[in-house]
């Protein structure tokens, strides 16, 4: 399944909408996503599973790039 992860670049940073970054990641479940991001300095705000029309919509975005971790 593909997951959309909203995060801040630093764990020390307060979540501010204007500074929120997005990445797309393939994983088996949310726990797997968190495990793959554990060594990154990211402050993860939200992890959203994508499928069906939601995934199709995200794929149309110019920012859609599936990360390989």
Protein backbone atom coordinates (compact mmCIF):
# COMPACT_ATOMS: atom_id res chain seq x y z
CA UNK A 1 0.00 0.00 0.00
CA UNK A 2 1.13 3.57 -0.61
CA UNK A 3 1.17 6.06 2.27
CA UNK A 4 1.29 9.84 2.26
CA UNK A 5 3.43 11.19 5.10
CA UNK A 6 3.19 14.80 6.28
CA UNK A 7 6.21 15.90 8.29
CA UNK A 8 8.51 18.71 9.45
CA UNK A 9 12.22 18.57 8.55
CA UNK A 10 13.33 18.54 12.20
CA UNK A 11 11.99 16.84 15.31
CA UNK A 12 12.74 20.04 17.21
CA UNK A 13 10.46 22.07 14.94
CA UNK A 14 6.90 22.84 15.96
CA UNK A 15 4.39 21.71 13.31
CA UNK A 16 3.55 24.73 11.15
CA UNK A 17 1.36 24.17 8.11
CA UNK A 18 3.49 26.41 5.86
CA UNK A 19 6.60 24.31 6.61
CA UNK A 20 4.98 20.90 6.23
CA UNK A 21 6.65 18.59 3.72
CA UNK A 22 5.11 15.56 2.01
CA UNK A 23 6.54 12.24 0.94
CA UNK A 24 4.98 9.12 -0.52
CA UNK A 25 6.14 5.73 0.63
CA UNK A 26 5.25 2.12 -0.09
CA UNK A 27 4.85 -0.01 3.05
CA UNK A 28 2.77 -2.84 4.48
CA UNK A 29 1.19 -0.78 7.29
CA UNK A 30 1.61 2.38 9.40
CA UNK A 31 4.03 0.62 11.74
CA UNK A 32 6.22 -0.26 8.74
CA UNK A 33 6.16 3.41 7.62
CA UNK A 34 7.29 4.55 11.07
CA UNK A 35 10.03 1.90 11.09
CA UNK A 36 11.32 3.08 7.69
CA UNK A 37 11.39 6.70 8.88
CA UNK A 38 12.93 5.97 12.30
CA UNK A 39 16.47 6.94 11.28
CA UNK A 40 15.32 10.23 9.68
CA UNK A 41 15.23 13.46 11.71
CA UNK A 42 11.60 14.06 10.68
CA UNK A 43 8.79 15.17 12.98
CA UNK A 44 5.96 13.07 11.49
CA UNK A 45 2.59 14.81 11.74
CA UNK A 46 0.27 12.45 9.89
CA UNK A 47 0.40 9.19 7.93
CA UNK A 48 -2.45 8.59 5.47
CA UNK A 49 -3.00 5.39 3.48
CA UNK A 50 -3.82 6.07 -0.18
CA UNK A 51 -5.85 3.85 -2.47
CA UNK A 52 -8.43 4.07 -5.23
CA UNK A 53 -9.46 7.57 -6.30
CA UNK A 54 -7.42 9.21 -3.54
CA UNK A 55 -4.24 7.60 -4.93
CA UNK A 56 -5.20 8.49 -8.50
CA UNK A 57 -5.66 12.12 -7.46
CA UNK A 58 -2.28 12.27 -5.69
CA UNK A 59 -0.54 10.72 -8.71
CA UNK A 60 -1.70 13.68 -10.81
CA UNK A 61 0.26 16.06 -8.57
CA UNK A 62 3.64 17.24 -9.83
CA UNK A 63 5.02 16.56 -6.32
CA UNK A 64 4.11 12.84 -6.40
CA UNK A 65 7.30 10.79 -6.21
CA UNK A 66 7.41 7.39 -4.54
CA UNK A 67 10.39 7.30 -2.16
CA UNK A 68 12.64 4.25 -1.92
CA UNK A 69 13.68 3.69 1.70
